[in-house]
Protein backbone atom coordinates (compact mmCIF):
# COMPACT_ATOMS: atom_id res chain seq x y z
CA UNK A 1 21.49 -133.84 152.04
CA UNK A 2 22.41 -130.24 151.41
CA UNK A 3 20.31 -127.14 151.46
CA UNK A 4 16.57 -127.46 151.31
CA UNK A 5 15.24 -124.39 149.55
CA UNK A 6 11.70 -123.27 149.14
CA UNK A 7 10.86 -122.36 145.59
CA UNK A 8 8.06 -119.92 145.01
CA UNK A 9 5.46 -120.55 142.40
CA UNK A 10 4.45 -117.70 140.14
CA UNK A 11 1.30 -117.13 142.19
CA UNK A 12 3.21 -117.03 145.49
CA UNK A 13 5.66 -114.52 144.02
CA UNK A 14 2.81 -112.24 142.83
CA UNK A 15 1.09 -112.45 146.24
CA UNK A 16 4.37 -111.54 147.97
CA UNK A 17 4.84 -108.52 145.67
CA UNK A 18 1.28 -107.33 146.37
CA UNK A 19 1.91 -107.49 150.12
CA UNK A 20 5.00 -105.35 149.67
CA UNK A 21 3.03 -102.76 147.65
CA UNK A 22 0.24 -102.41 150.21
CA UNK A 23 1.73 -99.73 152.43
CA UNK A 24 -0.35 -97.62 154.76
CA UNK A 25 -0.90 -94.06 153.45
CA UNK A 26 1.06 -92.56 156.37
CA UNK A 27 4.09 -94.58 155.22
CA UNK A 28 3.92 -93.40 151.61
CA UNK A 29 5.60 -90.35 150.13
CA UNK A 30 3.12 -89.92 147.29
CA UNK A 31 -0.60 -90.72 147.28
CA UNK A 32 -3.11 -91.16 144.51
CA UNK A 33 -6.10 -88.84 144.58
CA UNK A 34 -8.28 -91.66 145.94
CA UNK A 35 -5.76 -92.50 148.66
CA UNK A 36 -5.50 -88.82 149.63
CA UNK A 37 -9.30 -88.59 149.81
CA UNK A 38 -9.54 -91.64 152.06
CA UNK A 39 -6.59 -90.51 154.18
CA UNK A 40 -7.92 -86.98 154.76
CA UNK A 41 -11.70 -87.57 154.65
CA UNK A 42 -11.94 -84.97 151.89
CA UNK A 43 -13.87 -85.77 148.73
CA UNK A 44 -12.13 -86.70 145.49
CA UNK A 45 -13.65 -83.73 143.64
CA UNK A 46 -12.42 -81.31 146.31
CA UNK A 47 -8.89 -82.72 146.17
CA UNK A 48 -8.92 -82.50 142.37
CA UNK A 49 -10.02 -78.86 142.66
CA UNK A 50 -7.20 -78.13 145.12
CA UNK A 51 -4.66 -79.78 142.81
CA UNK A 52 -5.79 -77.53 139.94
CA UNK A 53 -5.06 -74.33 141.92
CA UNK A 54 -2.05 -72.43 140.57
CA UNK A 55 1.04 -73.00 142.70
CA UNK A 56 -0.44 -75.96 144.57
CA UNK A 57 2.43 -77.10 146.85
CA UNK A 58 1.43 -80.75 147.01
CA UNK A 59 0.73 -81.70 143.39
CA UNK A 60 3.18 -83.96 141.56
CA UNK A 61 2.74 -84.62 137.85
CA UNK A 62 3.87 -87.95 136.42
CA UNK A 63 3.09 -87.39 132.76
CA UNK A 64 -0.53 -86.30 132.86
CA UNK A 65 -1.30 -88.16 136.09
CA UNK A 66 -1.68 -85.98 139.17
CA UNK A 67 -0.43 -87.34 142.49
CA UNK A 68 -0.47 -85.87 145.98
CA UNK A 69 2.77 -85.49 147.94
CA UNK A 70 1.74 -86.49 151.44
CA UNK A 71 3.82 -84.25 153.75
CA UNK A 72 3.09 -80.93 151.96
CA UNK A 73 -0.56 -82.06 151.72
CA UNK A 74 -0.71 -82.63 155.49
CA UNK A 75 0.93 -79.25 156.11
CA UNK A 76 -1.49 -77.44 153.78
CA UNK A 77 -4.66 -78.92 155.27
CA UNK A 78 -4.90 -76.41 158.16
CA UNK A 79 -4.55 -73.56 155.62
CA UNK A 80 -7.61 -74.88 153.76
CA UNK A 81 -9.87 -75.12 156.79
CA UNK A 82 -12.89 -74.43 154.59
CA UNK A 83 -12.42 -76.46 151.43
């Protein structure tokens, strides 16, 4: 009879894409401020304050949106022992 192929409905395709987007923070290169707060157990306001510091090594601007680059953020945490 030939190949039997499974066709995805629109809903199945969207659910599959959402699964692909749900990576663990330790597997991401860039984190949102909320993800960085949850990942590090540091408050959102504190992370925002750190991102505003001149020369912050872990801030990444995408337009006006501020993101946290994970590896430099992890490396800088011991330096900010009292945030």
